[in-house]
Amino acid sequence: MNRRCFASLRPLVFAGLLLFSSLAVIPAACGEAAMTGAARQLAQKLAADLNAKQPWHFEFRDLTDSSVADFSEARQAFEAELTSHGFHLVPSAPAENSVRVTLSKDPQEGLWIAEFLRDGKADVEIVPFTLIAMGAATLPPPISIQRQFVFEQPSPLFDFVWAGPPDSNSPLLVLGPAGVSLLRYNKPQWQLQASVSLSQQRALSRDAQGQVRFSGGAFEARIADVFCTGTIANIAAMQCNAGPQNVWRFSGADGASVTAILTRARNWFEWSATAGAASDASRRVPFFSLAALGAGGQSLWVASGVDGKTRVYSGALTDPLATVAGWGSTLASIHSSCGDGWQILATRSGDYATPDAVQAFEWSGKEFRAAGAAIEFDGPVVVLQSDADSGETRAVIHNLKNGNYEGYTLKVSCGR
């Protein structure tokens, strides 16, 4: 979605905020019910403002960190209301058919804001609602995400990993479309020490997936169906083989693992049958990325589906335990000392032409709830890779301001 057109809407939003006291505040018995009801009311207002015969794209932002607000549930209610009015919602659309929907709040009140163009002019709808404190003193402390910039480069970046302790005294293994590079830090910048190419039998897809791992002086790297092994001591001797199938193995909690097949010349995975798995496991929706977490003594798999919905699976069950709307296609899990010990880091729904954010969520036993505020980036998050050894997550950002690909490490801390 092209977000530049919304810069002209900001004065109008602030003008709307000045009118806040004259708007009817929606009463409710609890904040979550009020937020969902307000989202539905906002959808009703937009149904009267917009032409249902045209396709519409809705971009959602959550600027709150309240654990009461169930953003995903409210968004689903919003979209269901519009659909009931005959609206067709699409992943992307021109600026004139795009709407930015923002959830905001102050200490006492919540606010839904919709910014859009009507007859070529900026317009806004605002629906406030009351948030009632619900034993805030007993709520778990919010989780904050800490990011550490590592390096940047102008060419695409699939993954990177420290070849040693995670600091600038250790070399970096970097995986890109061309192959594997070894970088060493020489103030004030990283310098190339060695590189080796991956021989590709076919052209890579535009947003192909890759991964690099390091352990005990040796590394493994793969892009699509090409799998390579090598050592830091002699990176030039790296050996690569192309497999008959693009089979990838994903590690989960407590030693659990699953395999999936990367669709040839594409960037998504098809589920494959594994030992002990149901024979119809492949009926699950294909996914872009997969994260694992432990919950109640079982391993759960969280998959971002190609249909834009994220699903939570348990073991070999074909049907999901829950479905989440509003997340992006890139996610990872992180094992921490916060909350129940496991969090999912999810990106924001959007496309590769817009800025992005990462937010931590925790599994309640039946759904995911936001565990803290999102952290914003200057471009789309194209890679999230969990690192079980360090307890951190590696992130790759395509910075839209300078065009570079940036590598970060993310970790969570308890409290603000």
Protein backbone atom coordinates (compact mmCIF):
# COMPACT_ATOMS: atom_id res chain seq x y z
CA MET A 1 0.00 0.00 0.00
CA ASN A 2 1.25 3.49 -0.81
CA ARG A 3 1.33 5.31 2.52
CA ARG A 4 2.67 8.63 1.27
CA CYS A 5 -0.81 9.92 0.47
CA PHE A 6 -1.65 9.80 4.19
CA ALA A 7 0.85 12.49 5.12
CA SER A 8 -1.75 15.08 4.12
CA LEU A 9 -4.30 13.49 6.43
CA ARG A 10 -2.46 14.17 9.69
CA PRO A 11 -3.76 17.74 10.19
CA LEU A 12 -7.26 16.44 9.67
CA VAL A 13 -6.74 13.70 12.26
CA PHE A 14 -5.58 16.22 14.83
CA ALA A 15 -8.58 18.39 14.05
CA GLY A 16 -10.75 15.35 14.67
CA LEU A 17 -9.05 14.79 18.00
CA LEU A 18 -9.96 18.33 19.06
CA LEU A 19 -13.58 17.36 18.56
CA PHE A 20 -13.17 14.34 20.80
CA SER A 21 -15.14 15.83 23.66
CA SER A 22 -18.16 16.33 21.40
CA LEU A 23 -18.20 12.71 20.22
CA ALA A 24 -20.28 10.09 21.98
CA VAL A 25 -18.10 7.73 24.00
CA ILE A 26 -19.17 4.10 23.77
CA PRO A 27 -19.86 2.63 27.23
CA ALA A 28 -18.94 -0.97 27.96
CA ALA A 29 -18.52 -3.38 30.82
CA CYS A 30 -14.93 -4.11 29.84
CA GLY A 31 -12.27 -2.59 27.57
CA GLU A 32 -12.03 -5.54 25.21
CA ALA A 33 -15.79 -5.57 24.44
CA ALA A 34 -15.80 -1.79 24.00
CA MET A 35 -12.86 -1.87 21.60
CA THR A 36 -14.46 -4.55 19.44
CA GLY A 37 -17.82 -2.76 19.45
CA ALA A 38 -16.14 0.50 18.48
CA ALA A 39 -14.31 -1.22 15.62
CA ARG A 40 -17.61 -2.57 14.35
CA GLN A 41 -19.17 0.91 14.61
CA LEU A 42 -16.27 2.39 12.65
CA ALA A 43 -16.85 -0.21 9.92
CA GLN A 44 -20.51 0.80 9.77
CA LYS A 45 -19.53 4.44 9.31
CA LEU A 46 -17.12 3.53 6.51
CA ALA A 47 -19.74 1.35 4.85
CA ALA A 48 -21.81 4.52 4.47
CA ASP A 49 -18.81 6.58 3.29
CA LEU A 50 -17.25 4.24 0.73
CA ASN A 51 -18.39 2.56 -2.48
CA ALA A 52 -18.90 -1.14 -1.81
CA LYS A 53 -18.77 -1.90 -5.53
CA GLN A 54 -15.03 -1.19 -5.58
CA PRO A 55 -12.30 -3.35 -3.97
CA TRP A 56 -10.76 -1.83 -0.81
CA HIS A 57 -7.53 -2.32 1.09
CA PHE A 58 -7.40 -1.64 4.84
CA GLU A 59 -4.08 -1.10 6.62
CA PHE A 60 -4.20 -1.51 10.41
CA ARG A 61 -1.95 0.02 13.05
CA ASP A 62 -2.01 -0.63 16.80
CA LEU A 63 -0.41 2.21 18.76
CA THR A 64 -1.51 0.86 22.14
CA ASP A 65 0.20 -1.46 24.59
CA SER A 66 -2.84 -2.27 26.71
CA SER A 67 -3.23 -5.98 27.47
CA VAL A 68 -7.01 -5.42 27.60
CA ALA A 69 -7.22 -4.54 23.94
CA ASP A 70 -7.54 -7.61 21.73
CA PHE A 71 -6.51 -6.00 18.47
CA SER A 72 -6.86 -9.12 16.36
CA GLU A 73 -10.41 -9.81 17.54
CA ALA A 74 -11.43 -6.20 16.89
CA ARG A 75 -9.96 -6.28 13.41
CA GLN A 76 -11.84 -9.45 12.57
CA ALA A 77 -15.07 -7.83 13.78
CA PHE A 78 -14.31 -4.76 11.66
CA GLU A 79 -13.67 -6.81 8.52
CA ALA A 80 -16.71 -9.03 9.13
CA GLU A 81 -18.92 -5.96 9.41
CA LEU A 82 -17.65 -4.54 6.12
CA THR A 83 -18.03 -7.89 4.39
CA SER A 84 -21.62 -8.08 5.59
CA HIS A 85 -22.20 -4.79 3.75
CA GLY A 86 -20.94 -6.30 0.50
CA PHE A 87 -17.37 -4.96 0.61
CA HIS A 88 -14.56 -6.89 -1.11
CA LEU A 89 -11.29 -6.58 0.86
CA VAL A 90 -8.02 -6.99 -1.05
CA PRO A 91 -4.32 -7.21 0.03
CA SER A 92 -3.38 -4.05 -1.89
CA ALA A 93 -5.08 -1.27 -3.84
CA PRO A 94 -4.38 2.21 -5.24
CA ALA A 95 -4.24 5.09 -2.76
CA GLU A 96 -7.78 6.19 -3.58
CA ASN A 97 -9.07 2.77 -2.52
CA SER A 98 -6.92 2.40 0.61
CA VAL A 99 -7.84 3.17 4.20
CA ARG A 100 -5.53 3.42 7.20
CA VAL A 101 -7.18 2.26 10.43
CA THR A 102 -5.38 3.16 13.68
CA LEU A 103 -6.07 2.10 17.25
CA SER A 104 -4.87 4.68 19.76
CA LYS A 105 -5.53 5.45 23.41
CA ASP A 106 -4.78 7.69 26.36
CA PRO A 107 -4.81 6.49 29.99
CA GLN A 108 -8.62 6.43 30.11
CA GLU A 109 -10.04 6.28 26.58
CA GLY A 110 -9.49 4.41 23.37
CA LEU A 111 -9.82 5.77 19.86
CA TRP A 112 -10.34 4.17 16.44
CA ILE A 113 -9.30 6.42 13.54
CA ALA A 114 -9.89 5.73 9.84
CA GLU A 115 -8.03 7.91 7.31
CA PHE A 116 -9.03 7.77 3.65
CA LEU A 117 -9.62 9.76 0.47
CA ARG A 118 -13.12 10.75 -0.58
CA ASP A 119 -13.57 12.47 -3.95
CA GLY A 120 -9.83 13.07 -4.00
CA LYS A 121 -9.80 14.87 -0.63
CA ALA A 122 -8.57 13.69 2.76
CA ASP A 123 -11.29 12.51 5.13
CA VAL A 124 -11.42 10.84 8.54
CA GLU A 125 -13.82 8.92 10.77
CA ILE A 126 -13.20 8.72 14.53
CA VAL A 127 -14.90 6.44 17.06
CA PRO A 128 -13.89 6.80 20.74
CA PHE A 129 -14.63 4.21 23.39
CA THR A 130 -14.23 3.82 27.14
CA LEU A 131 -11.61 1.55 28.63
CA ILE A 132 -12.44 0.30 32.11
CA ALA A 133 -9.47 -0.71 34.27
CA MET A 134 -9.55 -4.47 34.82
CA GLY A 135 -7.26 -5.19 37.77
CA ALA A 136 -4.28 -3.57 36.13
CA ALA A 137 -2.17 -4.24 39.22
CA THR A 138 -2.50 -8.00 38.67
CA LEU A 139 -1.66 -7.93 34.97
CA PRO A 140 1.77 -9.27 33.95
CA PRO A 141 4.29 -6.56 33.07
CA PRO A 142 4.51 -5.71 29.37
CA ILE A 143 7.32 -7.16 27.30
CA SER A 144 9.61 -4.82 25.42
CA ILE A 145 11.67 -5.71 22.37
CA GLN A 146 15.30 -4.59 22.33
CA ARG A 147 17.03 -4.31 18.97
CA GLN A 148 20.74 -4.16 18.20
CA PHE A 149 21.95 -3.03 14.78
CA VAL A 150 24.66 -5.35 13.43
CA PHE A 151 25.48 -4.35 9.85
CA GLU A 152 24.05 -3.32 6.48
CA GLN A 153 24.75 -3.95 2.82
CA PRO A 154 23.26 -2.75 -0.48
CA SER A 155 22.56 -6.25 -1.86
CA PRO A 156 19.74 -8.59 -0.72
CA LEU A 157 20.36 -10.50 2.49
CA PHE A 158 18.85 -13.89 3.38
CA ASP A 159 20.43 -14.48 6.78
CA PHE A 160 23.49 -13.89 8.94
CA VAL A 161 24.98 -15.49 12.03
CA TRP A 162 27.82 -14.79 14.43
CA ALA A 163 30.71 -17.25 14.08
CA GLY A 164 31.43 -17.03 17.78
CA PRO A 165 30.13 -14.94 20.71
CA PRO A 166 27.62 -12.32 19.49
CA ASP A 167 29.86 -9.25 19.40
CA SER A 168 32.08 -7.44 16.93
CA ASN A 169 35.11 -9.52 17.95
CA SER A 170 33.56 -12.50 16.19
CA PRO A 171 33.30 -12.81 12.41
CA LEU A 172 29.95 -12.75 10.65
CA LEU A 173 28.71 -15.36 8.22
CA VAL A 174 26.41 -13.68 5.71
CA LEU A 175 24.14 -15.46 3.23
CA GLY A 176 22.93 -13.73 0.07
CA PRO A 177 21.73 -14.78 -3.40
CA ALA A 178 25.30 -15.14 -4.62
CA GLY A 179 26.60 -17.26 -1.77
CA VAL A 180 28.26 -17.13 1.65
CA SER A 181 30.57 -14.33 2.81
CA LEU A 182 32.77 -14.03 5.90
CA LEU A 183 33.05 -10.52 7.38
CA ARG A 184 35.33 -9.25 10.13
CA TYR A 185 34.93 -5.97 11.96
CA ASN A 186 37.67 -3.39 11.47
CA LYS A 187 36.60 -0.06 12.92
CA PRO A 188 34.56 1.66 11.75
CA GLN A 189 33.11 -0.98 9.41
CA TRP A 190 32.81 -4.64 8.49
CA GLN A 191 35.24 -5.86 5.86
CA LEU A 192 34.98 -8.83 3.53
CA GLN A 193 37.48 -11.58 4.38
CA ALA A 194 36.33 -14.39 2.12
CA SER A 195 33.37 -15.46 0.01
CA VAL A 196 32.24 -18.51 -1.91
CA SER A 197 29.47 -18.81 -4.49
CA LEU A 198 26.52 -21.18 -4.53
CA SER A 199 26.02 -22.75 -7.92
CA GLN A 200 22.35 -22.34 -8.81
CA GLN A 201 20.65 -24.69 -11.24
CA ARG A 202 17.70 -22.32 -11.64
CA ALA A 203 17.03 -18.65 -11.14
CA LEU A 204 15.89 -17.79 -7.61
CA SER A 205 12.45 -16.36 -6.97
CA ARG A 206 12.35 -12.63 -6.21
CA ASP A 207 11.92 -13.23 -2.49
CA ALA A 208 13.59 -16.63 -2.09
CA GLN A 209 14.26 -17.99 1.40
CA GLY A 210 17.63 -18.93 2.83
CA GLN A 211 19.20 -19.86 6.15
CA VAL A 212 22.67 -20.16 7.65
CA ARG A 213 23.63 -21.94 10.89
CA PHE A 214 26.94 -22.14 12.77
CA SER A 215 28.19 -24.58 15.39
CA GLY A 216 31.64 -25.58 16.57
CA GLY A 217 33.55 -23.97 13.73
CA ALA A 218 31.33 -25.51 11.02
CA PHE A 219 28.37 -23.99 9.22
CA GLU A 220 25.40 -25.02 7.11
CA ALA A 221 23.83 -22.78 4.49
CA ARG A 222 20.91 -23.31 2.19
CA ILE A 223 18.95 -21.44 -0.44
CA ALA A 224 15.92 -23.17 -1.95
CA ASP A 225 17.05 -26.73 -2.78
CA VAL A 226 20.81 -26.03 -2.52
CA PHE A 227 22.37 -27.23 0.76
CA CYS A 228 25.98 -26.41 1.65
CA THR A 229 28.40 -27.24 4.46
CA GLY A 230 31.75 -25.72 5.31
CA THR A 231 34.10 -24.46 8.02
CA ILE A 232 35.21 -21.01 9.07
CA ALA A 233 38.84 -22.10 8.83
CA ASN A 234 38.48 -22.85 5.10
CA ILE A 235 35.31 -21.29 3.74
CA ALA A 236 36.54 -21.71 0.16
CA ALA A 237 36.22 -25.51 0.57
CA MET A 238 32.45 -25.29 1.12
CA GLN A 239 30.59 -28.21 -0.49
CA CYS A 240 27.10 -27.83 -1.97
CA ASN A 241 24.49 -30.28 -3.21
CA ALA A 242 21.07 -29.81 -4.75
CA GLY A 243 18.44 -32.09 -3.27
CA PRO A 244 15.71 -33.84 -5.28
CA GLN A 245 13.16 -32.08 -3.06
CA ASN A 246 13.39 -28.79 -1.23
CA VAL A 247 12.90 -30.44 2.18
CA TRP A 248 13.46 -28.16 5.15
CA ARG A 249 13.44 -29.22 8.81
CA PHE A 250 12.04 -26.90 11.47
CA SER A 251 12.99 -27.33 15.13
CA GLY A 252 10.42 -26.81 17.87
CA ALA A 253 10.14 -26.85 21.63
CA ASP A 254 11.43 -29.81 23.65
CA GLY A 255 13.20 -31.42 20.69
CA ALA A 256 10.13 -31.55 18.44
CA SER A 257 10.59 -31.03 14.70
CA VAL A 258 8.63 -31.07 11.46
CA THR A 259 9.61 -31.09 7.81
CA ALA A 260 8.12 -29.12 4.95
CA ILE A 261 8.80 -28.81 1.23
CA LEU A 262 9.74 -25.44 -0.21
CA THR A 263 7.64 -25.05 -3.35
CA ARG A 264 9.94 -25.00 -6.35
CA ALA A 265 10.62 -21.51 -7.75
CA ARG A 266 8.39 -20.04 -5.02
CA ASN A 267 8.90 -18.81 -1.46
CA TRP A 268 6.36 -20.82 0.51
CA PHE A 269 6.27 -24.28 2.06
CA GLU A 270 3.95 -27.26 1.74
CA TRP A 271 3.50 -29.41 4.84
CA SER A 272 4.91 -32.92 4.54
CA ALA A 273 4.13 -36.06 6.52
CA THR A 274 6.55 -36.77 9.37
CA ALA A 275 7.11 -39.73 11.66
CA GLY A 276 4.05 -40.09 13.88
CA ALA A 277 2.14 -37.45 11.96
CA ALA A 278 -1.31 -37.89 10.53
CA SER A 279 -1.35 -38.98 6.90
CA ASP A 280 -3.42 -35.94 5.96
CA ALA A 281 -1.00 -33.40 7.51
CA SER A 282 -0.32 -32.11 4.00
CA ARG A 283 -3.90 -30.79 3.93
CA ARG A 284 -2.79 -27.90 6.11
CA VAL A 285 -2.61 -24.51 4.40
CA PRO A 286 0.85 -23.80 2.88
CA PHE A 287 2.89 -21.26 4.82
CA PHE A 288 5.56 -18.58 4.38
CA SER A 289 7.19 -18.93 7.80
CA LEU A 290 6.88 -21.25 10.79
CA ALA A 291 7.55 -20.65 14.48
CA ALA A 292 7.33 -23.00 17.45
CA LEU A 293 6.50 -22.54 21.10
CA GLY A 294 5.96 -24.68 24.15
CA ALA A 295 2.62 -24.49 25.95
CA GLY A 296 1.23 -26.76 28.64
CA GLY A 297 3.77 -29.48 27.98
CA GLN A 298 3.09 -29.62 24.25
CA SER A 299 4.76 -28.16 21.17
CA LEU A 300 2.70 -25.78 19.08
CA TRP A 301 3.45 -24.69 15.53
CA VAL A 302 2.48 -21.20 14.39
CA ALA A 303 2.34 -20.89 10.60
CA SER A 304 1.76 -17.75 8.50
CA GLY A 305 -0.46 -19.06 5.72
CA VAL A 306 -0.34 -18.03 2.09
CA ASP A 307 -3.95 -16.85 2.46
CA GLY A 308 -2.94 -14.10 4.88
CA LYS A 309 -4.07 -15.91 8.03
CA THR A 310 -1.83 -17.33 10.75
CA ARG A 311 -2.77 -20.71 12.23
CA VAL A 312 -1.78 -22.52 15.40
CA TYR A 313 -1.32 -26.30 15.12
CA SER A 314 -0.73 -28.94 17.77
CA GLY A 315 1.26 -32.05 16.92
CA ALA A 316 -0.18 -34.00 14.00
CA LEU A 317 -3.66 -32.48 14.12
CA THR A 318 -4.78 -31.27 10.70
CA ASP A 319 -7.21 -28.64 11.96
CA PRO A 320 -5.78 -25.56 13.69
CA LEU A 321 -6.37 -24.75 17.34
CA ALA A 322 -6.83 -21.10 16.45
CA THR A 323 -6.61 -18.67 13.53
CA VAL A 324 -5.09 -15.20 13.77
CA ALA A 325 -5.81 -12.31 11.38
CA GLY A 326 -3.80 -9.13 11.01
CA TRP A 327 -0.26 -10.49 11.21
CA GLY A 328 2.32 -10.31 8.44
CA SER A 329 3.91 -13.26 6.68
CA THR A 330 7.17 -13.15 8.67
CA LEU A 331 7.30 -14.45 12.25
CA ALA A 332 9.57 -16.23 14.72
CA SER A 333 9.48 -17.55 18.27
CA ILE A 334 11.67 -16.52 21.15
CA HIS A 335 12.29 -18.39 24.43
CA SER A 336 12.70 -15.96 27.30
CA SER A 337 12.31 -15.50 31.06
CA CYS A 338 9.27 -13.25 30.53
CA GLY A 339 5.62 -14.20 30.90
CA ASP A 340 5.05 -17.89 30.29
CA GLY A 341 8.52 -18.28 28.77
CA TRP A 342 7.58 -18.23 25.08
CA GLN A 343 6.66 -15.37 22.78
CA ILE A 344 5.88 -15.08 19.10
CA LEU A 345 7.40 -12.12 17.28
CA ALA A 346 5.07 -11.17 14.43
CA THR A 347 5.34 -8.56 11.72
CA ARG A 348 2.62 -6.18 10.64
CA SER A 349 0.32 -6.94 7.72
CA GLY A 350 1.43 -5.02 4.63
CA ASP A 351 3.56 -5.27 1.51
CA TYR A 352 7.23 -4.82 0.67
CA ALA A 353 6.73 -1.14 -0.24
CA THR A 354 5.79 0.02 3.28
CA PRO A 355 7.49 0.34 6.69
CA ASP A 356 6.97 -2.50 9.13
CA ALA A 357 6.94 -3.35 12.82
CA VAL A 358 7.57 -6.34 15.09
CA GLN A 359 5.41 -7.06 18.13
CA ALA A 360 5.54 -9.76 20.81
CA PHE A 361 2.49 -11.95 21.47
CA GLU A 362 1.79 -14.62 24.08
CA TRP A 363 -0.44 -17.68 23.81
CA SER A 364 -3.28 -17.69 26.36
CA GLY A 365 -4.29 -21.28 25.70
CA LYS A 366 -6.86 -20.40 23.06
CA GLU A 367 -5.61 -17.19 21.40
CA PHE A 368 -2.68 -14.81 21.12
CA ARG A 369 -2.61 -11.54 23.03
CA ALA A 370 -0.27 -8.61 22.54
CA ALA A 371 2.43 -8.68 25.24
CA GLY A 372 3.83 -5.20 24.65
CA ALA A 373 4.24 -2.36 22.22
CA ALA A 374 5.45 -2.89 18.67
CA ILE A 375 8.90 -1.77 17.55
CA GLU A 376 8.94 0.20 14.28
CA PHE A 377 11.33 -0.17 11.33
CA ASP A 378 12.01 1.97 8.25
CA GLY A 379 11.07 -0.78 5.84
CA PRO A 380 9.61 -4.26 5.54
CA VAL A 381 10.94 -7.03 7.77
CA VAL A 382 11.96 -9.64 5.20
CA VAL A 383 13.55 -12.19 7.55
CA LEU A 384 13.04 -13.32 11.14
CA GLN A 385 15.17 -16.26 12.29
CA SER A 386 15.03 -17.76 15.78
CA ASP A 387 18.33 -18.59 17.46
CA ALA A 388 17.77 -21.13 20.24
CA ASP A 389 21.38 -20.94 21.45
CA SER A 390 21.44 -17.19 22.11
CA GLY A 391 17.77 -16.68 22.92
CA GLU A 392 17.69 -13.92 20.33
CA THR A 393 16.06 -13.49 16.94
CA ARG A 394 17.86 -12.31 13.82
CA ALA A 395 15.98 -9.78 11.70
CA VAL A 396 16.67 -8.45 8.22
CA ILE A 397 15.09 -5.14 7.20
CA HIS A 398 14.94 -3.61 3.74
CA ASN A 399 15.36 0.06 4.62
CA LEU A 400 13.18 2.07 2.25
CA LYS A 401 15.00 5.32 3.07
CA ASN A 402 18.47 4.29 1.92
CA GLY A 403 17.73 1.06 0.01
CA ASN A 404 20.10 -1.05 2.14
CA TYR A 405 19.42 -4.40 3.79
CA GLU A 406 20.05 -4.16 7.53
CA GLY A 407 20.75 -6.95 10.00
CA TYR A 408 19.54 -6.69 13.61
CA THR A 409 19.36 -8.95 16.63
CA LEU A 410 16.15 -8.80 18.68
CA LYS A 411 15.61 -9.90 22.26
CA VAL A 412 12.83 -9.35 24.76
CA SER A 413 12.97 -7.98 28.28
CA CYS A 414 10.36 -8.05 31.00
CA GLY A 415 8.76 -4.71 31.80
CA ARG A 416 8.84 -1.50 29.82
